[in-house]
Protein backbone atom coordinates (compact mmCIF):
# COMPACT_ATOMS: atom_id res chain seq x y z
CA MET A 1 0.55 0.14 -0.23
CA TYR A 2 1.49 3.40 -0.67
CA ALA A 3 0.27 6.46 0.57
CA VAL A 4 1.47 10.96 1.14
CA LEU A 5 1.97 12.46 3.98
CA THR A 6 0.72 16.20 3.19
CA ASP A 7 -0.15 19.08 4.61
CA ASP A 8 -1.91 21.10 1.48
CA PRO A 9 -5.17 20.42 2.09
CA ASP A 10 -5.96 20.28 -2.00
CA LEU A 11 -3.35 18.08 -2.48
CA ALA A 12 -4.91 15.93 0.12
CA ARG A 13 -8.13 15.13 -2.07
CA ALA A 14 -5.50 14.72 -5.23
CA GLY A 15 -6.44 10.91 -4.57
CA ILE A 16 -2.46 9.99 -5.05
CA GLY A 17 -1.79 6.89 -3.54
CA ASP A 18 -4.26 4.56 -1.91
CA ARG A 19 -5.14 7.49 1.46
CA THR A 20 -3.07 9.85 2.56
CA TYR A 21 -2.04 11.18 5.77
CA TYR A 22 -3.03 14.77 7.44
CA PHE A 23 -1.34 17.48 9.24
CA VAL A 24 -3.91 19.07 11.63
CA GLU A 25 -1.43 19.12 14.59
CA TYR A 26 1.73 21.01 14.43
CA VAL A 27 5.29 20.52 16.82
CA ASP A 28 5.09 24.76 16.42
CA GLY A 29 1.82 24.12 17.67
CA THR A 30 -0.59 25.59 15.04
CA THR A 31 -3.64 23.16 13.64
CA ASN A 32 -5.46 22.64 9.95
CA GLU A 33 -9.04 21.50 10.21
CA PRO A 34 -9.19 17.69 9.95
CA LEU A 35 -10.30 16.41 6.32
CA GLU A 36 -12.49 13.76 5.78
CA GLY A 37 -11.20 10.14 4.76
CA THR A 38 -7.93 11.08 5.79
CA VAL A 39 -6.17 10.22 8.66
CA ALA A 40 -5.23 12.78 10.90
CA SER A 41 -1.08 13.48 11.65
CA VAL A 42 -1.21 15.18 15.48
CA ALA A 43 2.01 15.59 17.16
CA CYS A 44 0.96 15.05 20.91
CA TRP A 45 4.12 16.51 23.63
CA GLY A 46 5.62 18.39 20.61
CA ASP A 47 4.71 22.08 21.07
CA THR A 48 6.29 24.34 21.04
CA ALA A 49 4.07 27.29 21.38
CA ALA A 50 3.03 26.09 24.92
CA VAL A 51 6.31 25.55 25.78
CA GLU A 52 6.66 29.01 24.19
CA ALA A 53 3.76 30.30 26.40
CA ASP A 54 4.67 28.25 29.68
CA PRO A 55 8.14 27.54 29.63
CA GLU A 56 7.74 25.94 32.62
CA ARG A 57 5.69 22.99 30.77
CA ALA A 58 8.48 21.78 29.02
CA ALA A 59 10.33 18.60 29.69
CA VAL A 60 13.84 19.45 31.51
CA SER A 61 16.78 16.71 32.24
CA ALA A 62 19.18 15.72 34.79
CA ASP A 63 21.07 19.13 34.09
CA GLY A 64 17.80 21.30 34.48
CA THR A 65 17.92 21.88 30.50
CA ARG A 66 14.70 22.21 29.18
CA ALA A 67 12.91 20.85 25.68
CA THR A 68 12.77 23.96 23.45
CA PRO A 69 13.49 24.75 20.49
CA ASP A 70 17.25 26.92 21.06
CA SER A 71 18.50 23.86 23.30
CA GLU A 72 21.13 21.70 21.94
CA GLY A 73 19.45 18.84 20.27
CA HIS A 74 16.27 19.94 20.43
CA HIS A 75 14.22 21.12 16.87
CA TRP A 76 10.65 22.15 18.96
CA GLY A 77 9.17 22.55 22.20
CA THR A 78 8.27 19.37 23.90
CA VAL A 79 5.68 19.24 26.96
CA CYS A 80 6.34 17.01 29.38
CA PRO A 81 4.33 14.01 29.33
CA THR A 82 2.74 14.08 33.09
CA ASP A 83 1.44 17.39 32.49
CA PRO A 84 -2.21 16.42 33.94
CA ASP A 85 -3.97 19.91 31.61
CA TYR A 86 -1.95 19.26 28.49
CA ARG A 87 -2.64 15.11 29.22
CA ALA A 88 -6.04 15.96 29.49
CA ASP A 89 -6.40 17.94 26.43
CA LEU A 90 -4.25 16.02 24.39
CA LEU A 91 -6.99 13.35 25.16
CA GLU A 92 -9.59 15.83 23.89
CA ARG A 93 -8.77 16.65 20.49
CA LEU A 94 -7.82 13.25 19.61
CA GLU A 95 -11.68 12.22 20.80
CA ASP A 96 -13.00 14.70 18.67
CA LEU A 97 -11.39 13.64 15.56
CA GLU A 98 -12.88 11.06 13.24
CA GLY A 99 -11.12 8.16 11.25
CA ASP A 100 -7.71 7.15 11.49
CA VAL A 101 -4.92 8.95 13.08
CA ARG A 102 -1.30 9.55 13.85
CA LEU A 103 0.33 10.12 16.61
CA THR A 104 3.79 11.64 16.48
CA THR A 105 6.21 13.32 19.11
CA LEU A 106 5.20 10.55 20.94
CA GLY A 107 7.03 10.14 24.37
CA PHE A 108 9.85 11.39 26.73
CA PRO A 109 11.62 13.99 24.19
CA GLY A 110 15.45 11.90 24.82
CA GLU A 111 17.08 9.60 27.69
CA SER A 112 17.69 12.17 30.32
CA PHE A 113 14.34 13.80 30.06
CA CYS A 114 11.73 14.46 32.35
CA HIS A 115 13.04 15.67 35.92
CA CYS A 116 11.24 17.66 36.88
CA ASP A 117 9.33 18.11 40.53
CA ARG A 118 5.80 16.07 39.68
CA CYS A 119 8.18 13.27 37.48
CA ASP A 120 10.68 12.84 40.63
CA ARG A 121 7.59 12.46 42.66
CA GLN A 122 5.49 10.65 40.22
CA PHE A 123 8.32 7.99 39.32
CA ALA A 124 8.94 8.12 43.72
CA GLU A 125 5.28 7.20 44.14
CA SER A 126 5.56 4.37 41.87
CA GLU A 127 5.90 1.14 41.76
CA HIS A 128 9.43 0.82 39.30
CA ASP A 129 12.52 0.94 40.65
CA ASP A 130 13.91 1.79 37.11
CA ARG A 131 12.82 4.74 35.96
CA THR A 132 12.84 3.93 31.94
CA ALA A 133 10.40 1.42 32.92
CA TRP A 134 8.44 3.70 34.65
CA ARG A 135 8.63 6.19 31.91
CA SER A 136 7.39 3.55 29.45
CA ALA A 137 4.06 2.97 31.56
CA VAL A 138 3.16 6.86 31.91
CA VAL A 139 3.30 6.61 27.66
CA THR A 140 1.93 3.23 27.09
CA GLU A 141 -1.06 4.28 29.54
CA PHE A 142 -1.40 7.73 27.37
CA VAL A 143 -1.57 5.74 24.22
CA ALA A 144 -3.92 3.31 25.33
CA ASP A 145 -6.26 6.37 26.90
CA ALA A 146 -6.16 7.56 22.70
CA ALA A 147 -6.87 4.72 21.64
CA MET A 148 -9.86 4.20 23.56
CA ARG A 149 -10.87 7.63 21.91
CA VAL A 150 -10.05 7.36 18.59
CA ASP A 151 -12.70 5.43 16.69
CA GLY A 152 -10.87 4.59 13.78
CA GLU A 153 -7.03 2.58 12.84
CA LEU A 154 -4.44 3.62 15.05
CA THR A 155 -0.51 4.98 14.13
CA ALA A 156 2.10 5.62 16.23
CA THR A 157 5.65 6.93 14.97
CA LEU A 158 8.63 5.76 16.30
CA TYR A 159 12.27 7.15 16.11
CA PRO A 160 14.04 5.22 13.81
CA ASP A 161 15.84 2.95 16.16
CA PRO A 162 15.41 -0.61 15.89
CA TYR A 163 18.25 -1.60 17.93
CA PRO A 164 16.56 -3.39 21.23
CA GLY A 165 15.75 -1.36 24.21
CA HIS A 166 16.93 1.67 22.22
CA LEU A 167 13.47 3.41 21.40
CA GLU A 168 11.95 2.77 25.73
CA GLU A 169 15.69 4.49 26.63
CA ARG A 170 15.68 7.17 24.37
CA ALA A 171 11.43 8.40 24.49
CA GLY A 172 9.95 5.70 26.67
CA LEU A 173 8.55 3.82 24.43
CA ASP A 174 7.78 -0.20 24.52
CA VAL A 175 7.01 -1.41 21.41
CA GLN A 176 5.89 -4.20 22.78
CA ALA A 177 3.75 -2.61 25.34
CA LEU A 178 2.64 0.03 22.83
CA ALA A 179 1.31 -2.37 20.33
CA GLU A 180 -1.20 -3.87 22.45
CA HIS A 181 -3.05 -0.55 22.07
CA VAL A 182 -2.15 0.30 18.00
CA ASP A 183 -3.36 -0.61 14.85
CA GLY A 184 0.17 0.58 13.45
CA PHE A 185 3.88 1.67 13.63
CA LEU A 186 5.55 3.57 11.22
CA VAL A 187 8.74 5.44 10.80
CA PRO A 188 9.87 7.96 9.71
CA LEU A 189 12.81 7.78 7.40
CA CYS A 190 13.59 10.57 5.58
CA SER A 191 16.33 12.29 3.11
CA PRO A 192 16.07 14.77 0.42
CA GLY A 193 17.59 13.10 -2.23
CA TYR A 194 18.51 9.60 -0.65
CA GLU A 195 22.47 10.27 -1.91
CA THR A 196 23.27 6.69 0.27
CA THR A 197 20.92 4.66 0.70
CA TYR A 198 22.68 1.21 2.25
CA TRP A 199 20.72 2.33 6.15
CA LEU A 200 17.24 2.64 4.99
CA GLU A 201 17.37 -1.92 4.26
CA SER A 202 19.37 -1.78 7.38
CA LEU A 203 16.93 -0.07 9.71
CA ALA A 204 13.74 -1.10 7.83
CA ARG A 205 14.91 -5.08 8.50
CA GLY A 206 15.79 -4.05 11.72
CA PHE A 207 11.97 -2.64 12.21
CA THR A 208 10.71 -5.86 10.75
CA THR A 209 12.86 -8.13 13.46
CA GLU A 210 11.71 -5.54 16.30
CA LEU A 211 8.08 -6.07 15.30
CA GLU A 212 8.23 -10.07 14.38
CA GLY A 213 5.43 -12.20 16.31
CA LEU A 214 2.50 -8.84 16.77
CA GLU A 215 0.00 -7.85 15.62
CA VAL A 216 0.29 -4.53 14.15
CA ASP A 217 1.92 -3.17 10.06
CA LEU A 218 4.89 -1.62 9.75
CA SER A 219 4.47 2.50 7.62
CA ILE A 220 8.19 3.57 6.44
CA GLN A 221 7.80 7.07 4.94
CA LEU A 222 10.40 8.58 2.64
CA SER A 223 10.66 11.48 1.24
CA ALA A 224 9.71 12.92 -1.96
CA ALA A 225 11.58 15.78 -2.25
CA GLU A 226 15.02 16.43 -4.57
CA ILE A 227 15.06 12.88 -6.30
CA GLU A 228 15.14 11.29 -9.71
CA PRO A 229 11.63 9.44 -9.87
CA GLU A 230 13.02 6.18 -10.58
CA ARG A 231 15.46 6.14 -7.61
CA LEU A 232 12.69 6.62 -5.95
CA ALA A 233 11.00 3.83 -6.99
CA GLU A 234 13.86 1.52 -6.94
CA ILE A 235 13.77 2.67 -2.66
CA THR A 236 10.18 2.01 -2.68
CA ARG A 237 10.86 -1.14 -4.67
CA LYS A 238 13.96 -2.37 -1.59
CA LEU A 239 11.73 -1.35 1.02
CA GLU A 240 8.19 -2.97 0.06
CA GLU A 241 9.69 -6.53 1.65
CA TYR A 242 9.95 -5.09 4.79
CA ALA A 243 7.12 -2.39 4.98
CA ASP A 244 3.23 -2.81 4.62
CA GLU A 245 2.91 0.59 3.23
CA ILE A 246 5.32 3.68 2.35
CA VAL A 247 4.55 6.85 3.18
CA TYR A 248 5.83 9.92 0.84
CA GLY A 249 6.09 13.29 2.79
CA THR A 250 4.65 15.28 -0.08
CA TYR A 251 4.53 19.18 -0.85
CA PRO A 252 2.03 20.45 -3.95
CA ASP A 253 5.69 20.99 -5.87
CA ASP A 254 6.93 17.26 -5.24
CA ALA A 255 3.44 15.69 -6.34
CA GLU A 256 4.33 14.84 -9.35
CA VAL A 257 7.56 12.69 -8.63
CA VAL A 258 5.05 10.58 -6.30
CA GLN A 259 2.47 9.61 -8.80
CA GLN A 260 5.20 9.03 -11.54
CA VAL A 261 7.30 6.72 -8.81
CA LEU A 262 3.89 4.97 -7.96
CA ASN A 263 3.31 4.18 -11.92
CA ARG A 264 6.74 2.68 -12.22
CA VAL A 265 6.68 0.31 -8.81
CA ARG A 266 2.71 -0.41 -10.18
CA GLY A 267 4.09 -2.02 -13.29
CA LYS A 268 1.62 1.35 -15.65
CA ASP A 269 5.12 3.07 -16.39
CA THR A 270 7.89 1.50 -17.27
CA PRO A 271 11.39 3.62 -18.38
CA LYS A 272 12.76 3.72 -21.51
CA MET A 273 16.65 2.56 -22.18
CA SER A 274 18.69 4.09 -22.99
CA ALA A 275 20.40 2.63 -26.13
């Protein structure tokens, strides 16, 4: 199956691919009105606007670093996942959506987060001796609550690191536990132009192993920017062995590239051989 991911409403309605992921909530805090028949892509804890309005809401590391856009290694602001008011509001927003939903910026923004007073207190009062296990329980509980409110399929985005234990250590994402509440995982493997590609198959194969035996689909997201159609089609063919769905991150200027790629992989358009 093939899909596109876009924030352009006209492109979302163009019927390219088998379905469309449409940005409803961004990591900068801005929003779009949901589009019927698309998969609503929702940023969970990534919300720069919320963090800028109240910096105390940002997740904080053990050394006191706040997860803000001006902190090294952070491209957006991340609200602490134990913030009760933000969590309740986020779940309410998810419940208002109709159809399928994709969750992005899911979990904690790094291995050393969060050490705010609330997180320290909740960890101390929990049944967990290990902070990694506690963080995973926090994220899994949220996803379980989200799944009860979403009336369509639920897809969770994973950071592209399939090495055993890394996702849990990095963000509190316990794939085995999350699989009980979601229908699929989406892994972004994006790079404009894809000058090198050996890493794509390595990561895709790693996630196939990580998800083996779980009743969930695997979607892989590719970038359609700055690349020739045949090059992207070749990459698609290599990754189809591992994924149930290929999702193309697409701007209006890239739409023709994606259409040509789909024509090639579906056998509708065979490129001419040079003499």
